[in-house]
Amino acid sequence: MAQELRRVGCEPIERVGGTYGVMAELRVQPAGRFVALHAGVTARALAAARKIGFGDGQLQTLPPQGGGEDFAYYCQKAPGAFVYLGAANEQKACSFPHHHPKFNIDEDALAWGAALHA
């Protein structure tokens, strides 16, 4: 994970600095743990999603990602899987990212999330 963080974070900053003839450096301080997902639980979550009607074109597994997440501490005690539930819907103007002033969620997606976790 540290190598990936360096590749996507530090190296671009250093290249931009070099372009302008200045030294640029990014120092990253660990702020917590990474979420370590468990393959067996992830497989069960994918199977449950398929069972309630999600198609393979709607499901994906993502590579490890950085960022602070308290869920990482739960996964130290019990196996877990992190699920992102898409709730974008352009017809309802629900397509802006989190933290955008126009962010909105298509609440119809919440029923799918509840079914997945039931």
N, C-alpha and C. Protein backbone atom coordinates (compact mmCIF):
# COMPACT_ATOMS: atom_id res chain seq x y z
N MET A 1 0.83 -1.19 0.00
CA MET A 1 0.00 0.00 0.00
C MET A 1 0.87 1.26 0.00
N ALA A 2 1.97 1.24 0.74
CA ALA A 2 2.84 2.41 0.80
C ALA A 2 3.43 2.72 -0.57
N GLN A 3 3.79 1.70 -1.34
CA GLN A 3 4.34 1.92 -2.68
C GLN A 3 3.28 2.54 -3.60
N GLU A 4 2.05 2.07 -3.50
CA GLU A 4 0.97 2.61 -4.32
C GLU A 4 0.71 4.07 -3.95
N LEU A 5 0.73 4.38 -2.66
CA LEU A 5 0.53 5.76 -2.21
C LEU A 5 1.63 6.65 -2.76
N ARG A 6 2.85 6.16 -2.74
CA ARG A 6 3.95 6.95 -3.29
C ARG A 6 3.74 7.19 -4.79
N ARG A 7 3.31 6.14 -5.51
CA ARG A 7 3.13 6.26 -6.95
C ARG A 7 2.04 7.28 -7.30
N VAL A 8 0.91 7.23 -6.63
CA VAL A 8 -0.21 8.11 -7.00
C VAL A 8 -0.17 9.46 -6.29
N GLY A 9 0.58 9.58 -5.22
CA GLY A 9 0.61 10.83 -4.47
C GLY A 9 1.90 11.60 -4.60
N CYS A 10 2.99 10.97 -4.21
CA CYS A 10 4.26 11.68 -4.14
C CYS A 10 4.90 11.93 -5.50
N GLU A 11 4.93 10.92 -6.34
CA GLU A 11 5.63 11.06 -7.62
C GLU A 11 5.06 12.19 -8.48
N PRO A 12 3.73 12.32 -8.62
CA PRO A 12 3.22 13.45 -9.42
C PRO A 12 3.61 14.81 -8.84
N ILE A 13 3.61 14.93 -7.54
CA ILE A 13 3.98 16.20 -6.90
C ILE A 13 5.44 16.51 -7.18
N GLU A 14 6.30 15.51 -7.09
CA GLU A 14 7.71 15.71 -7.37
C GLU A 14 7.94 16.09 -8.84
N ARG A 15 7.18 15.48 -9.75
CA ARG A 15 7.32 15.80 -11.18
C ARG A 15 6.88 17.24 -11.45
N VAL A 16 5.78 17.66 -10.85
CA VAL A 16 5.31 19.04 -11.06
C VAL A 16 6.35 20.01 -10.51
N GLY A 17 6.89 19.73 -9.37
CA GLY A 17 7.93 20.59 -8.81
C GLY A 17 9.13 20.68 -9.73
N GLY A 18 9.54 19.54 -10.29
CA GLY A 18 10.67 19.54 -11.22
C GLY A 18 10.40 20.35 -12.46
N THR A 19 9.16 20.37 -12.91
CA THR A 19 8.78 21.15 -14.10
C THR A 19 9.05 22.63 -13.87
N TYR A 20 8.83 23.08 -12.65
CA TYR A 20 9.00 24.50 -12.34
C TYR A 20 10.35 24.80 -11.68
N GLY A 21 11.23 23.81 -11.64
CA GLY A 21 12.56 24.03 -11.09
C GLY A 21 12.60 24.18 -9.59
N VAL A 22 11.64 23.62 -8.90
CA VAL A 22 11.63 23.67 -7.44
C VAL A 22 11.54 22.25 -6.90
N MET A 23 11.95 22.09 -5.68
CA MET A 23 11.84 20.78 -5.04
C MET A 23 10.49 20.70 -4.34
N ALA A 24 9.76 19.68 -4.64
CA ALA A 24 8.46 19.47 -3.99
C ALA A 24 8.49 18.12 -3.29
N GLU A 25 7.93 18.07 -2.12
CA GLU A 25 7.95 16.84 -1.35
C GLU A 25 6.61 16.68 -0.63
N LEU A 26 6.10 15.49 -0.63
CA LEU A 26 4.88 15.18 0.10
C LEU A 26 5.25 14.18 1.19
N ARG A 27 4.93 14.52 2.40
CA ARG A 27 5.16 13.60 3.52
C ARG A 27 3.80 13.10 3.98
N VAL A 28 3.69 11.81 4.11
CA VAL A 28 2.44 11.19 4.50
C VAL A 28 2.60 10.60 5.89
N GLN A 29 1.74 11.03 6.79
CA GLN A 29 1.73 10.51 8.15
C GLN A 29 0.60 9.50 8.28
N PRO A 30 0.89 8.28 8.69
CA PRO A 30 -0.21 7.32 8.86
C PRO A 30 -1.22 7.85 9.89
N ALA A 31 -2.48 7.83 9.52
CA ALA A 31 -3.52 8.36 10.39
C ALA A 31 -4.39 7.25 10.96
N GLY A 32 -4.15 6.06 10.58
CA GLY A 32 -4.99 4.96 11.03
C GLY A 32 -4.65 3.71 10.25
N ARG A 33 -5.51 2.76 10.28
CA ARG A 33 -5.27 1.50 9.59
C ARG A 33 -6.01 1.48 8.26
N PHE A 34 -5.45 0.70 7.34
CA PHE A 34 -6.16 0.46 6.09
C PHE A 34 -7.21 -0.61 6.35
N VAL A 35 -8.27 -0.57 5.60
CA VAL A 35 -9.31 -1.59 5.72
C VAL A 35 -8.79 -2.85 5.05
N ALA A 36 -8.65 -3.92 5.81
CA ALA A 36 -8.21 -5.21 5.28
C ALA A 36 -9.44 -6.09 5.14
N LEU A 37 -9.90 -6.23 3.92
CA LEU A 37 -11.09 -7.02 3.67
C LEU A 37 -10.75 -8.50 3.62
N HIS A 38 -11.71 -9.32 3.89
CA HIS A 38 -11.51 -10.76 3.92
C HIS A 38 -12.16 -11.39 2.70
N ALA A 39 -11.39 -12.20 1.99
CA ALA A 39 -11.84 -12.76 0.70
C ALA A 39 -13.13 -13.57 0.86
N GLY A 40 -13.25 -14.36 1.90
CA GLY A 40 -14.45 -15.18 2.08
C GLY A 40 -15.69 -14.34 2.29
N VAL A 41 -15.58 -13.28 3.08
CA VAL A 41 -16.72 -12.41 3.34
C VAL A 41 -17.07 -11.63 2.08
N THR A 42 -16.05 -11.21 1.35
CA THR A 42 -16.28 -10.49 0.09
C THR A 42 -17.01 -11.39 -0.90
N ALA A 43 -16.61 -12.64 -0.99
CA ALA A 43 -17.28 -13.60 -1.90
C ALA A 43 -18.74 -13.79 -1.49
N ARG A 44 -19.01 -13.87 -0.19
CA ARG A 44 -20.40 -14.01 0.28
C ARG A 44 -21.22 -12.77 -0.02
N ALA A 45 -20.60 -11.60 0.10
CA ALA A 45 -21.32 -10.35 -0.20
C ALA A 45 -21.66 -10.28 -1.69
N LEU A 46 -20.73 -10.68 -2.54
CA LEU A 46 -21.01 -10.70 -3.98
C LEU A 46 -22.11 -11.71 -4.31
N ALA A 47 -22.08 -12.87 -3.68
CA ALA A 47 -23.12 -13.88 -3.92
C ALA A 47 -24.48 -13.37 -3.46
N ALA A 48 -24.52 -12.69 -2.32
CA ALA A 48 -25.78 -12.13 -1.81
C ALA A 48 -26.31 -11.07 -2.77
N ALA A 49 -25.42 -10.25 -3.33
CA ALA A 49 -25.84 -9.22 -4.27
C ALA A 49 -26.44 -9.86 -5.52
N ARG A 50 -25.82 -10.91 -6.00
CA ARG A 50 -26.36 -11.60 -7.19
C ARG A 50 -27.73 -12.22 -6.87
N LYS A 51 -27.86 -12.74 -5.67
CA LYS A 51 -29.11 -13.42 -5.27
C LYS A 51 -30.29 -12.45 -5.25
N ILE A 52 -30.06 -11.20 -4.87
CA ILE A 52 -31.17 -10.24 -4.81
C ILE A 52 -31.38 -9.50 -6.12
N GLY A 53 -30.56 -9.80 -7.14
CA GLY A 53 -30.83 -9.24 -8.45
C GLY A 53 -29.77 -8.36 -9.07
N PHE A 54 -28.66 -8.15 -8.41
CA PHE A 54 -27.58 -7.39 -9.03
C PHE A 54 -26.94 -8.24 -10.11
N GLY A 55 -26.71 -7.67 -11.28
CA GLY A 55 -26.04 -8.37 -12.37
C GLY A 55 -24.54 -8.20 -12.28
N ASP A 56 -23.81 -9.09 -12.96
CA ASP A 56 -22.35 -9.00 -12.92
C ASP A 56 -21.85 -7.65 -13.43
N GLY A 57 -22.57 -7.04 -14.36
CA GLY A 57 -22.18 -5.73 -14.86
C GLY A 57 -22.32 -4.62 -13.83
N GLN A 58 -23.03 -4.89 -12.75
CA GLN A 58 -23.23 -3.91 -11.69
C GLN A 58 -22.29 -4.13 -10.51
N LEU A 59 -21.54 -5.22 -10.53
CA LEU A 59 -20.68 -5.56 -9.40
C LEU A 59 -19.21 -5.46 -9.81
N GLN A 60 -18.41 -5.03 -8.90
CA GLN A 60 -16.97 -5.00 -9.15
C GLN A 60 -16.22 -5.07 -7.83
N THR A 61 -15.02 -5.57 -7.90
CA THR A 61 -14.13 -5.52 -6.75
C THR A 61 -13.07 -4.48 -7.06
N LEU A 62 -12.69 -3.73 -6.07
CA LEU A 62 -11.75 -2.64 -6.24
C LEU A 62 -10.41 -2.99 -5.63
N PRO A 63 -9.33 -2.41 -6.14
CA PRO A 63 -8.02 -2.62 -5.52
C PRO A 63 -7.98 -1.92 -4.16
N PRO A 64 -7.01 -2.25 -3.33
CA PRO A 64 -6.90 -1.57 -2.03
C PRO A 64 -6.83 -0.06 -2.21
N GLN A 65 -7.47 0.64 -1.30
CA GLN A 65 -7.51 2.10 -1.36
C GLN A 65 -7.08 2.67 -0.02
N GLY A 66 -6.42 3.79 -0.07
CA GLY A 66 -6.03 4.46 1.16
C GLY A 66 -7.18 5.28 1.70
N GLY A 67 -6.93 5.94 2.78
CA GLY A 67 -7.97 6.77 3.37
C GLY A 67 -8.33 6.27 4.75
N GLY A 68 -8.77 7.15 5.58
CA GLY A 68 -9.14 6.76 6.93
C GLY A 68 -10.53 6.18 6.97
N GLU A 69 -10.67 5.12 7.67
CA GLU A 69 -11.98 4.50 7.78
C GLU A 69 -12.02 3.70 9.07
N ASP A 70 -12.94 4.06 9.97
CA ASP A 70 -13.05 3.35 11.24
C ASP A 70 -13.38 1.87 11.07
N PHE A 71 -13.98 1.52 9.93
CA PHE A 71 -14.32 0.12 9.68
C PHE A 71 -13.08 -0.77 9.76
N ALA A 72 -11.90 -0.21 9.51
CA ALA A 72 -10.66 -0.98 9.59
C ALA A 72 -10.48 -1.58 10.99
N TYR A 73 -10.90 -0.87 12.00
CA TYR A 73 -10.74 -1.37 13.37
C TYR A 73 -11.69 -2.55 13.64
N TYR A 74 -12.88 -2.52 13.06
CA TYR A 74 -13.80 -3.65 13.19
C TYR A 74 -13.21 -4.89 12.53
N CYS A 75 -12.58 -4.69 11.37
CA CYS A 75 -12.02 -5.83 10.62
C CYS A 75 -10.82 -6.45 11.32
N GLN A 76 -10.27 -5.77 12.32
CA GLN A 76 -9.22 -6.39 13.13
C GLN A 76 -9.82 -7.45 14.05
N LYS A 77 -11.07 -7.28 14.42
CA LYS A 77 -11.73 -8.17 15.38
C LYS A 77 -12.57 -9.26 14.71
N ALA A 78 -13.14 -8.94 13.56
CA ALA A 78 -14.01 -9.90 12.88
C ALA A 78 -13.86 -9.70 11.37
N PRO A 79 -13.90 -10.78 10.60
CA PRO A 79 -13.79 -10.65 9.15
C PRO A 79 -14.89 -9.75 8.60
N GLY A 80 -14.56 -8.96 7.59
CA GLY A 80 -15.54 -8.04 7.04
C GLY A 80 -15.30 -7.75 5.57
N ALA A 81 -16.27 -7.12 4.97
CA ALA A 81 -16.19 -6.64 3.58
C ALA A 81 -16.82 -5.26 3.52
N PHE A 82 -16.24 -4.40 2.75
CA PHE A 82 -16.72 -3.03 2.59
C PHE A 82 -17.50 -2.97 1.29
N VAL A 83 -18.72 -2.47 1.35
CA VAL A 83 -19.58 -2.43 0.17
C VAL A 83 -19.91 -0.97 -0.15
N TYR A 84 -19.68 -0.59 -1.39
CA TYR A 84 -20.14 0.71 -1.87
C TYR A 84 -21.46 0.48 -2.59
N LEU A 85 -22.46 1.22 -2.24
CA LEU A 85 -23.76 1.12 -2.90
C LEU A 85 -23.94 2.36 -3.76
N GLY A 86 -23.97 2.15 -5.06
CA GLY A 86 -24.16 3.27 -5.98
C GLY A 86 -25.58 3.80 -5.87
N ALA A 87 -25.71 5.11 -5.84
CA ALA A 87 -27.04 5.71 -5.74
C ALA A 87 -27.17 6.89 -6.69
N ALA A 88 -26.42 6.85 -7.78
CA ALA A 88 -26.51 7.92 -8.78
C ALA A 88 -27.68 7.65 -9.72
N ASN A 89 -28.30 8.73 -10.17
CA ASN A 89 -29.39 8.61 -11.12
C ASN A 89 -29.50 9.96 -11.84
N GLU A 90 -29.01 10.00 -13.07
CA GLU A 90 -28.99 11.27 -13.80
C GLU A 90 -30.38 11.83 -14.05
N GLN A 91 -31.40 10.96 -14.22
CA GLN A 91 -32.76 11.45 -14.45
C GLN A 91 -33.30 12.21 -13.24
N LYS A 92 -32.76 11.94 -12.05
CA LYS A 92 -33.21 12.62 -10.83
C LYS A 92 -32.19 13.65 -10.34
N ALA A 93 -31.23 14.00 -11.19
CA ALA A 93 -30.15 14.93 -10.83
C ALA A 93 -29.38 14.45 -9.61
N CYS A 94 -29.18 13.16 -9.54
CA CYS A 94 -28.44 12.54 -8.43
C CYS A 94 -27.14 11.94 -8.98
N SER A 95 -26.28 12.79 -9.50
CA SER A 95 -25.05 12.27 -10.09
C SER A 95 -23.81 13.04 -9.66
N PHE A 96 -23.95 13.90 -8.67
CA PHE A 96 -22.80 14.66 -8.19
C PHE A 96 -22.07 13.89 -7.10
N PRO A 97 -20.74 14.02 -7.02
CA PRO A 97 -19.97 13.27 -6.03
C PRO A 97 -20.21 13.78 -4.61
N HIS A 98 -19.82 12.94 -3.64
CA HIS A 98 -19.90 13.35 -2.23
C HIS A 98 -19.18 14.68 -2.04
N HIS A 99 -19.62 15.46 -1.12
CA HIS A 99 -19.04 16.75 -0.74
C HIS A 99 -19.25 17.84 -1.79
N HIS A 100 -19.96 17.53 -2.86
CA HIS A 100 -20.31 18.56 -3.85
C HIS A 100 -21.57 19.27 -3.34
N PRO A 101 -21.69 20.57 -3.53
CA PRO A 101 -22.87 21.28 -3.02
C PRO A 101 -24.19 20.78 -3.60
N LYS A 102 -24.16 20.15 -4.78
CA LYS A 102 -25.39 19.64 -5.38
C LYS A 102 -25.56 18.14 -5.17
N PHE A 103 -24.75 17.56 -4.29
CA PHE A 103 -24.86 16.12 -4.03
C PHE A 103 -26.27 15.77 -3.59
N ASN A 104 -26.79 14.71 -4.14
CA ASN A 104 -28.10 14.18 -3.76
C ASN A 104 -28.04 12.68 -3.97
N ILE A 105 -28.90 11.96 -3.35
CA ILE A 105 -28.90 10.51 -3.45
C ILE A 105 -30.27 10.05 -3.95
N ASP A 106 -30.26 9.08 -4.83
CA ASP A 106 -31.51 8.47 -5.27
C ASP A 106 -31.94 7.51 -4.17
N GLU A 107 -32.93 7.88 -3.41
CA GLU A 107 -33.34 7.08 -2.26
C GLU A 107 -33.89 5.72 -2.64
N ASP A 108 -34.23 5.52 -3.91
CA ASP A 108 -34.67 4.20 -4.35
C ASP A 108 -33.54 3.16 -4.18
N ALA A 109 -32.30 3.61 -4.19
CA ALA A 109 -31.16 2.71 -4.02
C ALA A 109 -31.07 2.16 -2.59
N LEU A 110 -31.66 2.86 -1.64
CA LEU A 110 -31.56 2.44 -0.24
C LEU A 110 -32.22 1.09 0.00
N ALA A 111 -33.29 0.80 -0.72
CA ALA A 111 -33.94 -0.51 -0.57
C ALA A 111 -33.01 -1.64 -1.00
N TRP A 112 -32.22 -1.39 -2.07
CA TRP A 112 -31.25 -2.39 -2.50
C TRP A 112 -30.18 -2.61 -1.42
N GLY A 113 -29.73 -1.54 -0.81
CA GLY A 113 -28.74 -1.66 0.25
C GLY A 113 -29.27 -2.40 1.46
N ALA A 114 -30.51 -2.10 1.83
CA ALA A 114 -31.13 -2.81 2.96
C ALA A 114 -31.27 -4.29 2.65
N ALA A 115 -31.71 -4.61 1.43
CA ALA A 115 -31.86 -6.03 1.04
C ALA A 115 -30.53 -6.74 1.06
N LEU A 116 -29.48 -6.08 0.62
CA LEU A 116 -28.15 -6.69 0.59
C LEU A 116 -27.67 -7.03 2.00
N HIS A 117 -27.98 -6.17 2.95
CA HIS A 117 -27.49 -6.36 4.31
C HIS A 117 -28.44 -7.21 5.18
N ALA A 118 -29.60 -7.54 4.67
CA ALA A 118 -30.56 -8.30 5.47
C ALA A 118 -30.23 -9.78 5.48
